[in-house]
Amino acid sequence: MIHPTAIIDSHAELGPGCEVGPFCVIGPNVKIGARCRFISHVVVDGHTEIGDDNQFYPFASIGLKTQDLKWKGGLTRTVIGHRNTIRECVTIHSATGDGESTVIGSDNNILASSHIGHNVCMGNHVIVSMAALAGHVIVEDCAIVGGLSAVHQFCRIGTMGMIGGCSKITQDIPPYMIVDGNPAATRMVNKVGLDRNGVSESAQSALRTAHRILFRDGLTIPNALSRIESEVPSCPEILHLVNFVRTSQRGVCK
């Protein structure tokens, strides 16, 4: 299961059933779970922990030192969950500060040539399509980052939020919404994503009303949130949307 041209440090830990293909390099501080597959030419280094059933395609680079010029040394980590697909030429860098981590959850699909920067925190069931996530970006569950889009440092992408291709993201992406453009703007509720994830029609109706109040009625954010809380039927999705917008540090794309 390990190709003779692969270089695996004697201190690395590989779980049962792993496949390591030609010309892969795995460093000394790497811990890999069961049944992971490294097809060929994959580099995994740094203090990196990888869960079970992940697939890494050729020329992926995982866990190497951050590109952030603020790096001053120390022990930083890269943590990857289970059942992720990491396609060709993807880069996932370790964190910047001593004791910090870049964290990727489970069941994510990171498409070819995507960049996941230092200190990114990604949830589960996320799709990143040939896009770049700068440092300290937070991606919540079931989000989709469209092809060739770029996300600024410290932005958040909300649950089931969708970024259209070639978008420039400099503010937070509200959950359950579609954002597109340069500069990016919130266009509509992500109905297809909501349907796929089993969100009820009553919750979708509430989200459509909230979208109109937040992004179409010309209100300030505090006034819009107050109207949503008083006029829109409460449900978990509305509560999450309101809390996400209220706690935004960079503002949300309007």
Foldseek 3Di string as FASTA:
>chain_A
DEDPQEAEDPQEAEEAQEYHAHAEYEENQEYEYHNEYEHYCEYADANEYYYEQEYAEHQEYYAAAAPDPLADDAHWYEYEYYNEYHYANEYAYTARDHPYGAYHYHQEYEYHCEYHGHCEAEYHCEYEACEYEYANEYEYPNEYEEHHEYADHNEYEAANEYEYHNEYHDHHGFHQFYWYDVPIATDAGPVVSCVVVVPDPLVVVLVRVLCCLCHPPPDDLVVSLVCSVVPGDDDPSNVRRSVCQVPTPRHYHD
